[in-house]
């Protein structure tokens, strides 16, 4: 009987761990699609399926910023989402605003 009790507790522990892992991974929100941007030298960069409400510092100041996601993107002149510049609706692009960071806002 003691052996059966230990097996039941082990099964319950494993089941709880699996449920927590699945629940935590499925609750993360992300935009579908990508943000593309181009440096002043014409180099292209991409951010695929960016997470919601997370500030993303760009690898270079963006001369052109293209929102190819299904959510609105805020863009900022400074790093770490400082100096808000504007919002970019899905399917839209902006040039010569020179952002250095972005955030998906939904």
PDB file of N, CA and C in Angstrom:
ATOM      1  N   UNK A   1       0.815  -1.192   0.000  1.00  0.00           N
ATOM      2  CA  UNK A   1       0.000   0.000   0.000  1.00  0.00           C
ATOM      3  C   UNK A   1       0.864   1.264   0.000  1.00  0.00           C
ATOM      4  N   UNK A   2       1.959   1.239   0.749  1.00  0.00           N
ATOM      5  CA  UNK A   2       2.860   2.378   0.803  1.00  0.00           C
ATOM      6  C   UNK A   2       3.457   2.658  -0.572  1.00  0.00           C
ATOM      7  N   UNK A   3       3.780   1.600  -1.288  1.00  0.00           N
ATOM      8  CA  UNK A   3       4.333   1.734  -2.630  1.00  0.00           C
ATOM      9  C   UNK A   3       3.308   2.369  -3.571  1.00  0.00           C
ATOM     10  N   UNK A   4       2.070   1.982  -3.453  1.00  0.00           N
ATOM     11  CA  UNK A   4       0.998   2.530  -4.274  1.00  0.00           C
ATOM     12  C   UNK A   4       0.802   4.018  -3.965  1.00  0.00           C
ATOM     13  N   UNK A   5       0.902   4.391  -2.721  1.00  0.00           N
ATOM     14  CA  UNK A   5       0.771   5.791  -2.325  1.00  0.00           C
ATOM     15  C   UNK A   5       1.880   6.662  -2.912  1.00  0.00           C
ATOM     16  N   UNK A   6       3.109   6.116  -2.906  1.00  0.00           N
ATOM     17  CA  UNK A   6       4.228   6.860  -3.492  1.00  0.00           C
ATOM     18  C   UNK A   6       4.055   7.039  -4.988  1.00  0.00           C
ATOM     19  N   UNK A   7       3.580   6.008  -5.664  1.00  0.00           N
ATOM     20  CA  UNK A   7       3.338   6.111  -7.103  1.00  0.00           C
ATOM     21  C   UNK A   7       2.250   7.134  -7.402  1.00  0.00           C
ATOM     22  N   UNK A   8       1.215   7.162  -6.585  1.00  0.00           N
ATOM     23  CA  UNK A   8       0.134   8.126  -6.791  1.00  0.00           C
ATOM     24  C   UNK A   8       0.650   9.557  -6.601  1.00  0.00           C
ATOM     25  N   UNK A   9       1.453   9.764  -5.553  1.00  0.00           N
ATOM     26  CA  UNK A   9       2.022  11.096  -5.326  1.00  0.00           C
ATOM     27  C   UNK A   9       2.964  11.502  -6.458  1.00  0.00           C
ATOM     28  N   UNK A  10       3.756  10.564  -6.958  1.00  0.00           N
ATOM     29  CA  UNK A  10       4.658  10.844  -8.065  1.00  0.00           C
ATOM     30  C   UNK A  10       3.866  11.233  -9.315  1.00  0.00           C
ATOM     31  N   UNK A  11       2.800  10.494  -9.571  1.00  0.00           N
ATOM     32  CA  UNK A  11       1.951  10.811 -10.724  1.00  0.00           C
ATOM     33  C   UNK A  11       1.311  12.181 -10.589  1.00  0.00           C
ATOM     34  N   UNK A  12       0.838  12.509  -9.409  1.00  0.00           N
ATOM     35  CA  UNK A  12       0.231  13.814  -9.165  1.00  0.00           C
ATOM     36  C   UNK A  12       1.257  14.932  -9.328  1.00  0.00           C
ATOM     37  N   UNK A  13       2.460  14.717  -8.824  1.00  0.00           N
ATOM     38  CA  UNK A  13       3.525  15.723  -8.953  1.00  0.00           C
ATOM     39  C   UNK A  13       3.883  15.937 -10.418  1.00  0.00           C
ATOM     40  N   UNK A  14       4.054  14.862 -11.160  1.00  0.00           N
ATOM     41  CA  UNK A  14       4.387  14.982 -12.583  1.00  0.00           C
ATOM     42  C   UNK A  14       3.260  15.656 -13.359  1.00  0.00           C
ATOM     43  N   UNK A  15       2.040  15.282 -13.066  1.00  0.00           N
ATOM     44  CA  UNK A  15       0.896  15.893 -13.747  1.00  0.00           C
ATOM     45  C   UNK A  15       0.801  17.386 -13.476  1.00  0.00           C
ATOM     46  N   UNK A  16       1.050  17.779 -12.247  1.00  0.00           N
ATOM     47  CA  UNK A  16       1.036  19.200 -11.894  1.00  0.00           C
ATOM     48  C   UNK A  16       2.140  19.954 -12.615  1.00  0.00           C
ATOM     49  N   UNK A  17       3.327  19.362 -12.668  1.00  0.00           N
ATOM     50  CA  UNK A  17       4.452  20.009 -13.351  1.00  0.00           C
ATOM     51  C   UNK A  17       4.160  20.198 -14.835  1.00  0.00           C
ATOM     52  N   UNK A  18       3.592  19.189 -15.457  1.00  0.00           N
ATOM     53  CA  UNK A  18       3.256  19.291 -16.884  1.00  0.00           C
ATOM     54  C   UNK A  18       2.185  20.358 -17.099  1.00  0.00           C
ATOM     55  N   UNK A  19       1.167  20.373 -16.274  1.00  0.00           N
ATOM     56  CA  UNK A  19       0.098  21.371 -16.414  1.00  0.00           C
ATOM     57  C   UNK A  19       0.636  22.785 -16.233  1.00  0.00           C
ATOM     58  N   UNK A  20       1.516  22.988 -15.268  1.00  0.00           N
ATOM     59  CA  UNK A  20       2.111  24.306 -15.070  1.00  0.00           C
ATOM     60  C   UNK A  20       2.970  24.716 -16.259  1.00  0.00           C
ATOM     61  N   UNK A  21       3.764  23.793 -16.772  1.00  0.00           N
ATOM     62  CA  UNK A  21       4.630  24.111 -17.911  1.00  0.00           C
ATOM     63  C   UNK A  21       3.815  24.476 -19.136  1.00  0.00           C
ATOM     64  N   UNK A  22       2.771  23.728 -19.410  1.00  0.00           N
ATOM     65  CA  UNK A  22       1.925  24.018 -20.569  1.00  0.00           C
ATOM     66  C   UNK A  22       1.177  25.323 -20.361  1.00  0.00           C
ATOM     67  N   UNK A  23       0.669  25.534 -19.178  1.00  0.00           N
ATOM     68  CA  UNK A  23      -0.066  26.766 -18.889  1.00  0.00           C
ATOM     69  C   UNK A  23       0.809  28.006 -18.997  1.00  0.00           C
ATOM     70  N   UNK A  24       2.025  27.936 -18.524  1.00  0.00           N
ATOM     71  CA  UNK A  24       2.916  29.083 -18.566  1.00  0.00           C
ATOM     72  C   UNK A  24       3.381  29.391 -19.982  1.00  0.00           C
ATOM     73  N   UNK A  25       3.651  28.369 -20.777  1.00  0.00           N
ATOM     74  CA  UNK A  25       4.138  28.634 -22.123  1.00  0.00           C
ATOM     75  C   UNK A  25       3.036  29.104 -23.046  1.00  0.00           C
ATOM     76  N   UNK A  26       1.808  28.684 -22.836  1.00  0.00           N
ATOM     77  CA  UNK A  26       0.734  29.084 -23.739  1.00  0.00           C
ATOM     78  C   UNK A  26       0.176  30.468 -23.402  1.00  0.00           C
ATOM     79  N   UNK A  27       0.499  31.001 -22.213  1.00  0.00           N
ATOM     80  CA  UNK A  27      -0.053  32.292 -21.850  1.00  0.00           C
ATOM     81  C   UNK A  27       0.772  33.465 -22.394  1.00  0.00           C
ATOM     82  N   UNK A  28       1.965  33.201 -22.900  1.00  0.00           N
ATOM     83  CA  UNK A  28       2.794  34.281 -23.448  1.00  0.00           C
ATOM     84  C   UNK A  28       2.172  34.793 -24.735  1.00  0.00           C
ATOM     85  N   UNK A  29       2.043  36.100 -24.839  1.00  0.00           N
ATOM     86  CA  UNK A  29       1.456  36.723 -26.023  1.00  0.00           C
ATOM     87  C   UNK A  29       2.564  37.217 -26.931  1.00  0.00           C
ATOM     88  N   UNK A  30       2.336  37.104 -28.212  1.00  0.00           N
ATOM     89  CA  UNK A  30       3.289  37.622 -29.190  1.00  0.00           C
ATOM     90  C   UNK A  30       2.531  38.027 -30.432  1.00  0.00           C
ATOM     91  N   UNK A  31       3.050  39.019 -31.100  1.00  0.00           N
ATOM     92  CA  UNK A  31       2.479  39.421 -32.379  1.00  0.00           C
ATOM     93  C   UNK A  31       2.840  38.358 -33.412  1.00  0.00           C
ATOM     94  N   UNK A  32       1.978  38.170 -34.374  1.00  0.00           N
ATOM     95  CA  UNK A  32       2.260  37.259 -35.473  1.00  0.00           C
ATOM     96  C   UNK A  32       2.798  38.077 -36.633  1.00  0.00           C
ATOM     97  N   UNK A  33       3.930  37.675 -37.140  1.00  0.00           N
ATOM     98  CA  UNK A  33       4.544  38.388 -38.248  1.00  0.00           C
ATOM     99  C   UNK A  33       5.904  38.902 -37.848  1.00  0.00           C
ATOM    100  N   UNK A  34       6.331  39.976 -38.483  1.00  0.00           N
ATOM    101  CA  UNK A  34       7.663  40.497 -38.190  1.00  0.00           C
ATOM    102  C   UNK A  34       7.720  42.010 -38.320  1.00  0.00           C
ATOM    103  N   UNK A  35       8.687  42.547 -37.632  1.00  0.00           N
ATOM    104  CA  UNK A  35       9.039  43.952 -37.775  1.00  0.00           C
ATOM    105  C   UNK A  35      10.326  43.968 -38.599  1.00  0.00           C
ATOM    106  N   UNK A  36      10.318  44.720 -39.684  1.00  0.00           N
ATOM    107  CA  UNK A  36      11.535  44.868 -40.494  1.00  0.00           C
ATOM    108  C   UNK A  36      12.004  46.306 -40.385  1.00  0.00           C
ATOM    109  N   UNK A  37      13.309  46.481 -40.376  1.00  0.00           N
ATOM    110  CA  UNK A  37      13.838  47.839 -40.383  1.00  0.00           C
ATOM    111  C   UNK A  37      15.153  47.862 -41.149  1.00  0.00           C
ATOM    112  N   UNK A  38      15.456  49.042 -41.647  1.00  0.00           N
ATOM    113  CA  UNK A  38      16.628  49.240 -42.480  1.00  0.00           C
ATOM    114  C   UNK A  38      17.470  50.369 -41.895  1.00  0.00           C
ATOM    115  N   UNK A  39      18.777  50.134 -41.818  1.00  0.00           N
ATOM    116  CA  UNK A  39      19.695  51.166 -41.334  1.00  0.00           C
ATOM    117  C   UNK A  39      19.924  52.203 -42.426  1.00  0.00           C
ATOM    118  N   UNK A  40      20.602  53.277 -42.082  1.00  0.00           N
ATOM    119  CA  UNK A  40      20.906  54.310 -43.085  1.00  0.00           C
ATOM    120  C   UNK A  40      21.833  53.770 -44.170  1.00  0.00           C
ATOM    121  N   UNK A  41      22.583  52.695 -43.879  1.00  0.00           N
ATOM    122  CA  UNK A  41      23.449  52.062 -44.875  1.00  0.00           C
ATOM    123  C   UNK A  41      22.676  51.064 -45.748  1.00  0.00           C
ATOM    124  N   UNK A  42      21.379  50.882 -45.456  1.00  0.00           N
ATOM    125  CA  UNK A  42      20.548  49.976 -46.243  1.00  0.00           C
ATOM    126  C   UNK A  42      20.530  48.539 -45.762  1.00  0.00           C
ATOM    127  N   UNK A  43      21.153  48.244 -44.615  1.00  0.00           N
ATOM    128  CA  UNK A  43      21.156  46.887 -44.075  1.00  0.00           C
ATOM    129  C   UNK A  43      19.782  46.568 -43.484  1.00  0.00           C
ATOM    130  N   UNK A  44      19.262  45.393 -43.815  1.00  0.00           N
ATOM    131  CA  UNK A  44      17.942  44.979 -43.325  1.00  0.00           C
ATOM    132  C   UNK A  44      18.085  44.139 -42.060  1.00  0.00           C
ATOM    133  N   UNK A  45      17.175  44.384 -41.104  1.00  0.00           N
ATOM    134  CA  UNK A  45      17.084  43.609 -39.869  1.00  0.00           C
ATOM    135  C   UNK A  45      15.645  43.155 -39.710  1.00  0.00           C
ATOM    136  N   UNK A  46      15.441  42.037 -38.992  1.00  0.00           N
ATOM    137  CA  UNK A  46      14.086  41.505 -38.763  1.00  0.00           C
ATOM    138  C   UNK A  46      13.923  41.073 -37.315  1.00  0.00           C
ATOM    139  N   UNK A  47      12.713  41.267 -36.825  1.00  0.00           N
ATOM    140  CA  UNK A  47      12.318  40.747 -35.516  1.00  0.00           C
ATOM    141  C   UNK A  47      11.071  39.913 -35.775  1.00  0.00           C
ATOM    142  N   UNK A  48      11.194  38.589 -35.695  1.00  0.00           N
ATOM    143  CA  UNK A  48      10.078  37.692 -35.975  1.00  0.00           C
ATOM    144  C   UNK A  48       9.232  37.454 -34.735  1.00  0.00           C
ATOM    145  N   UNK A  49       7.916  37.524 -34.901  1.00  0.00           N
ATOM    146  CA  UNK A  49       6.950  37.263 -33.833  1.00  0.00           C
ATOM    147  C   UNK A  49       7.352  37.938 -32.513  1.00  0.00           C
ATOM    148  N   UNK A  50       7.470  39.259 -32.516  1.00  0.00           N
ATOM    149  CA  UNK A  50       7.919  39.958 -31.305  1.00  0.00           C
ATOM    150  C   UNK A  50       6.907  39.829 -30.168  1.00  0.00           C
ATOM    151  N   UNK A  51       7.383  39.688 -28.929  1.00  0.00           N
ATOM    152  CA  UNK A  51       6.485  39.565 -27.787  1.00  0.00           C
ATOM    153  C   UNK A  51       5.766  40.881 -27.487  1.00  0.00           C
ATOM    154  N   UNK A  52       4.580  40.779 -26.909  1.00  0.00           N
ATOM    155  CA  UNK A  52       3.806  41.957 -26.510  1.00  0.00           C
ATOM    156  C   UNK A  52       4.436  42.622 -25.288  1.00  0.00           C
ATOM    157  N   UNK A  53       4.353  43.948 -25.267  1.00  0.00           N
ATOM    158  CA  UNK A  53       4.731  44.757 -24.100  1.00  0.00           C
ATOM    159  C   UNK A  53       6.154  44.522 -23.616  1.00  0.00           C
ATOM    160  N   UNK A  54       7.061  44.231 -24.546  1.00  0.00           N
ATOM    161  CA  UNK A  54       8.476  44.065 -24.216  1.00  0.00           C
ATOM    162  C   UNK A  54       9.252  45.062 -25.059  1.00  0.00           C
ATOM    163  N   UNK A  55      10.071  45.875 -24.421  1.00  0.00           N
ATOM    164  CA  UNK A  55      10.888  46.836 -25.158  1.00  0.00           C
ATOM    165  C   UNK A  55      12.018  46.087 -25.864  1.00  0.00           C
ATOM    166  N   UNK A  56      12.172  46.362 -27.152  1.00  0.00           N
ATOM    167  CA  UNK A  56      13.220  45.724 -27.943  1.00  0.00           C
ATOM    168  C   UNK A  56      14.126  46.822 -28.498  1.00  0.00           C
ATOM    169  N   UNK A  57      15.392  46.780 -28.122  1.00  0.00           N
ATOM    170  CA  UNK A  57      16.365  47.718 -28.673  1.00  0.00           C
ATOM    171  C   UNK A  57      16.793  47.223 -30.047  1.00  0.00           C
ATOM    172  N   UNK A  58      16.781  48.118 -31.015  1.00  0.00           N
ATOM    173  CA  UNK A  58      17.163  47.762 -32.372  1.00  0.00           C
ATOM    174  C   UNK A  58      18.682  47.678 -32.481  1.00  0.00           C
ATOM    175  N   UNK A  59      19.162  46.899 -33.450  1.00  0.00           N
ATOM    176  CA  UNK A  59      20.597  46.722 -33.636  1.00  0.00           C
ATOM    177  C   UNK A  59      21.253  47.952 -34.270  1.00  0.00           C
ATOM    178  N   UNK A  60      20.446  48.764 -34.940  1.00  0.00           N
ATOM    179  CA  UNK A  60      20.927  50.000 -35.568  1.00  0.00           C
ATOM    180  C   UNK A  60      19.754  50.975 -35.601  1.00  0.00           C
ATOM    181  N   UNK A  61      20.049  52.243 -35.655  1.00  0.00           N
ATOM    182  CA  UNK A  61      18.985  53.239 -35.786  1.00  0.00           C
ATOM    183  C   UNK A  61      18.283  52.990 -37.110  1.00  0.00           C
ATOM    184  N   UNK A  62      16.959  52.941 -37.090  1.00  0.00           N
ATOM    185  CA  UNK A  62      16.181  52.558 -38.280  1.00  0.00           C
ATOM    186  C   UNK A  62      15.831  53.767 -39.133  1.00  0.00           C
ATOM    187  N   UNK A  63      16.303  53.770 -40.347  1.00  0.00           N
ATOM    188  CA  UNK A  63      15.884  54.820 -41.285  1.00  0.00           C
ATOM    189  C   UNK A  63      14.453  54.544 -41.736  1.00  0.00           C
ATOM    190  N   UNK A  64      14.159  53.252 -41.987  1.00  0.00           N
ATOM    191  CA  UNK A  64      12.813  52.835 -42.366  1.00  0.00           C
ATOM    192  C   UNK A  64      12.381  51.717 -41.425  1.00  0.00           C
ATOM    193  N   UNK A  65      11.148  51.796 -40.916  1.00  0.00           N
ATOM    194  CA  UNK A  65      10.587  50.806 -40.003  1.00  0.00           C
ATOM    195  C   UNK A  65       9.286  50.306 -40.613  1.00  0.00           C
ATOM    196  N   UNK A  66       9.141  48.983 -40.739  1.00  0.00           N
ATOM    197  CA  UNK A  66       7.971  48.378 -41.380  1.00  0.00           C
ATOM    198  C   UNK A  66       7.318  47.419 -40.392  1.00  0.00           C
ATOM    199  N   UNK A  67       6.029  47.610 -40.127  1.00  0.00           N
ATOM    200  CA  UNK A  67       5.278  46.737 -39.225  1.00  0.00           C
ATOM    201  C   UNK A  67       4.509  45.710 -40.047  1.00  0.00           C
ATOM    202  N   UNK A  68       5.026  44.511 -40.109  1.00  0.00           N
ATOM    203  CA  UNK A  68       4.368  43.411 -40.822  1.00  0.00           C
ATOM    204  C   UNK A  68       3.745  42.430 -39.829  1.00  0.00           C
ATOM    205  N   UNK A  69       3.365  42.932 -38.649  1.00  0.00           N
ATOM    206  CA  UNK A  69       2.712  42.091 -37.648  1.00  0.00           C
ATOM    207  C   UNK A  69       1.204  42.362 -37.663  1.00  0.00           C
ATOM    208  N   UNK A  70       0.496  41.654 -36.809  1.00  0.00           N
ATOM    209  CA  UNK A  70      -0.945  41.843 -36.680  1.00  0.00           C
ATOM    210  C   UNK A  70      -1.310  42.795 -35.540  1.00  0.00           C
ATOM    211  N   UNK A  71      -0.311  43.483 -34.967  1.00  0.00           N
ATOM    212  CA  UNK A  71      -0.549  44.381 -33.838  1.00  0.00           C
ATOM    213  C   UNK A  71       0.157  45.721 -34.047  1.00  0.00           C
ATOM    214  N   UNK A  72      -0.265  46.728 -33.300  1.00  0.00           N
ATOM    215  CA  UNK A  72       0.350  48.046 -33.371  1.00  0.00           C
ATOM    216  C   UNK A  72       1.707  48.026 -32.673  1.00  0.00           C
ATOM    217  N   UNK A  73       2.657  48.751 -33.237  1.00  0.00           N
ATOM    218  CA  UNK A  73       4.004  48.853 -32.686  1.00  0.00           C
ATOM    219  C   UNK A  73       4.279  50.313 -32.332  1.00  0.00           C
ATOM    220  N   UNK A  74       4.725  50.551 -31.106  1.00  0.00           N
ATOM    221  CA  UNK A  74       5.201  51.881 -30.711  1.00  0.00           C
ATOM    222  C   UNK A  74       6.686  51.940 -31.018  1.00  0.00           C
ATOM    223  N   UNK A  75       7.142  53.105 -31.479  1.00  0.00           N
ATOM    224  CA  UNK A  75       8.577  53.256 -31.734  1.00  0.00           C
ATOM    225  C   UNK A  75       9.096  54.480 -30.998  1.00  0.00           C
ATOM    226  N   UNK A  76      10.372  54.387 -30.606  1.00  0.00           N
ATOM    227  CA  UNK A  76      10.978  55.348 -29.712  1.00  0.00           C
ATOM    228  C   UNK A  76      12.318  55.814 -30.266  1.00  0.00           C
ATOM    229  N   UNK A  77      12.603  57.087 -30.125  1.00  0.00           N
ATOM    230  CA  UNK A  77      13.856  57.633 -30.614  1.00  0.00           C
ATOM    231  C   UNK A  77      15.049  57.113 -29.816  1.00  0.00           C
ATOM    232  N   UNK A  78      14.869  56.917 -28.522  1.00  0.00           N
ATOM    233  CA  UNK A  78      15.958  56.453 -27.666  1.00  0.00           C
ATOM    234  C   UNK A  78      15.928  54.961 -27.418  1.00  0.00           C
ATOM    235  N   UNK A  79      17.024  54.447 -26.874  1.00  0.00           N
ATOM    236  CA  UNK A  79      17.093  53.043 -26.461  1.00  0.00           C
ATOM    237  C   UNK A  79      16.197  52.831 -25.244  1.00  0.00           C
ATOM    238  N   UNK A  80      15.879  51.575 -24.976  1.00  0.00           N
ATOM    239  CA  UNK A  80      15.075  51.193 -23.800  1.00  0.00           C
ATOM    240  C   UNK A  80      13.715  51.880 -23.769  1.00  0.00           C
ATOM    241  N   UNK A  81      13.157  52.107 -24.951  1.00  0.00           N
ATOM    242  CA  UNK A  81      11.818  52.682 -25.123  1.00  0.00           C
ATOM    243  C   UNK A  81      11.673  54.034 -24.427  1.00  0.00           C
ATOM    244  N   UNK A  82      12.658  54.893 -24.645  1.00  0.00           N
ATOM    245  CA  UNK A  82      12.595  56.269 -24.152  1.00  0.00           C
ATOM    246  C   UNK A  82      12.374  57.209 -25.325  1.00  0.00           C
ATOM    247  N   UNK A  83      11.748  58.325 -25.055  1.00  0.00           N
ATOM    248  CA  UNK A  83      11.454  59.354 -26.046  1.00  0.00           C
ATOM    249  C   UNK A  83      10.483  58.817 -27.115  1.00  0.00           C
ATOM    250  N   UNK A  84       9.260  58.567 -26.668  1.00  0.00           N
ATOM    251  CA  UNK A  84       8.210  58.067 -27.564  1.00  0.00           C
ATOM    252  C   UNK A  84       8.096  58.945 -28.806  1.00  0.00           C
ATOM    253  N   UNK A  85       8.037  58.272 -29.966  1.00  0.00           N
ATOM    254  CA  UNK A  85       7.952  59.002 -31.226  1.00  0.00           C
ATOM    255  C   UNK A  85       6.597  58.804 -31.895  1.00  0.00           C
ATOM    256  N   UNK A  86       6.089  57.565 -31.928  1.00  0.00           N
ATOM    257  CA  UNK A  86       4.805  57.339 -32.571  1.00  0.00           C
ATOM    258  C   UNK A  86       4.380  55.885 -32.521  1.00  0.00           C
ATOM    259  N   UNK A  87       3.178  55.630 -33.061  1.00  0.00           N
ATOM    260  CA  UNK A  87       2.633  54.278 -33.190  1.00  0.00           C
ATOM    261  C   UNK A  87       2.527  53.929 -34.662  1.00  0.00           C
ATOM    262  N   UNK A  88       2.739  52.662 -34.948  1.00  0.00           N
ATOM    263  CA  UNK A  88       2.695  52.176 -36.318  1.00  0.00           C
ATOM    264  C   UNK A  88       1.684  51.033 -36.396  1.00  0.00           C
ATOM    265  N   UNK A  89       0.596  51.260 -37.117  1.00  0.00           N
ATOM    266  CA  UNK A  89      -0.456  50.253 -37.251  1.00  0.00           C
ATOM    267  C   UNK A  89       0.044  49.073 -38.084  1.00  0.00           C
ATOM    268  N   UNK A  90      -0.615  47.921 -37.955  1.00  0.00           N
ATOM    269  CA  UNK A  90      -0.235  46.766 -38.769  1.00  0.00           C
ATOM    270  C   UNK A  90      -0.264  47.105 -40.264  1.00  0.00           C
ATOM    271  N   UNK A  91       0.757  46.630 -40.979  1.00  0.00           N
ATOM    272  CA  UNK A  91       0.826  46.839 -42.415  1.00  0.00           C
ATOM    273  C   UNK A  91       1.334  48.207 -42.836  1.00  0.00           C
ATOM    274  N   UNK A  92       1.773  49.019 -41.894  1.00  0.00           N
ATOM    275  CA  UNK A  92       2.230  50.378 -42.199  1.00  0.00           C
ATOM    276  C   UNK A  92       3.754  50.479 -42.048  1.00  0.00           C
ATOM    277  N   UNK A  93       4.306  51.540 -42.612  1.00  0.00           N
ATOM    278  CA  UNK A  93       5.742  51.804 -42.522  1.00  0.00           C
ATOM    279  C   UNK A  93       5.967  53.286 -42.255  1.00  0.00           C
ATOM    280  N   UNK A  94       7.134  53.602 -41.733  1.00  0.00           N
ATOM    281  CA  UNK A  94       7.510  54.987 -41.484  1.00  0.00           C
ATOM    282  C   UNK A  94       8.990  55.135 -41.841  1.00  0.00           C
ATOM    283  N   UNK A  95       9.346  56.306 -42.353  1.00  0.00           N
ATOM    284  CA  UNK A  95      10.735  56.568 -42.723  1.00  0.00           C
ATOM    285  C   UNK A  95      11.217  57.857 -42.082  1.00  0.00           C
ATOM    286  N   UNK A  96      12.510  57.909 -41.847  1.00  0.00           N
ATOM    287  CA  UNK A  96      13.204  59.093 -41.342  1.00  0.00           C
ATOM    288  C   UNK A  96      12.748  59.543 -39.957  1.00  0.00           C
ATOM    289  N   UNK A  97      12.226  58.637 -39.155  1.00  0.00           N
ATOM    290  CA  UNK A  97      11.934  58.941 -37.750  1.00  0.00           C
ATOM    291  C   UNK A  97      13.090  58.483 -36.854  1.00  0.00           C
ATOM    292  N   UNK A  98      13.951  57.614 -37.401  1.00  0.00           N
ATOM    293  CA  UNK A  98      15.181  57.142 -36.750  1.00  0.00           C
ATOM    294  C   UNK A  98      15.003  56.509 -35.372  1.00  0.00           C
ATOM    295  N   UNK A  99      14.034  55.586 -35.202  1.00  0.00           N
ATOM    296  CA  UNK A  99      13.869  54.956 -33.895  1.00  0.00           C
ATOM    297  C   UNK A  99      15.048  54.042 -33.543  1.00  0.00           C
ATOM    298  N   UNK A 100      15.225  53.853 -32.248  1.00  0.00           N
ATOM    299  CA  UNK A 100      16.271  52.965 -31.743  1.00  0.00           C
ATOM    300  C   UNK A 100      15.683  51.835 -30.885  1.00  0.00           C
ATOM    301  N   UNK A 101      14.368  51.896 -30.615  1.00  0.00           N
ATOM    302  CA  UNK A 101      13.712  50.820 -29.880  1.00  0.00           C
ATOM    303  C   UNK A 101      12.227  50.783 -30.250  1.00  0.00           C
ATOM    304  N   UNK A 102      11.623  49.598 -30.027  1.00  0.00           N
ATOM    305  CA  UNK A 102      10.204  49.390 -30.360  1.00  0.00           C
ATOM    306  C   UNK A 102       9.537  48.553 -29.277  1.00  0.00           C
ATOM    307  N   UNK A 103       8.197  48.607 -29.253  1.00  0.00           N
ATOM    308  CA  UNK A 103       7.392  47.797 -28.336  1.00  0.00           C
ATOM    309  C   UNK A 103       6.066  47.480 -29.007  1.00  0.00           C
ATOM    310  N   UNK A 104       5.676  46.205 -29.031  1.00  0.00           N
ATOM    311  CA  UNK A 104       4.362  45.810 -29.537  1.00  0.00           C
ATOM    312  C   UNK A 104       3.345  46.125 -28.456  1.00  0.00           C
ATOM    313  N   UNK A 105       2.313  46.881 -28.823  1.00  0.00           N
ATOM    314  CA  UNK A 105       1.319  47.276 -27.819  1.00  0.00           C
ATOM    315  C   UNK A 105      -0.045  46.663 -28.063  1.00  0.00           C
ATOM    316  N   UNK A 106      -0.198  45.953 -29.144  1.00  0.00           N
ATOM    317  CA  UNK A 106      -1.469  45.282 -29.400  1.00  0.00           C
ATOM    318  C   UNK A 106      -2.356  46.087 -30.207  1.00  0.00           C
TER     319      UNK A 106
END
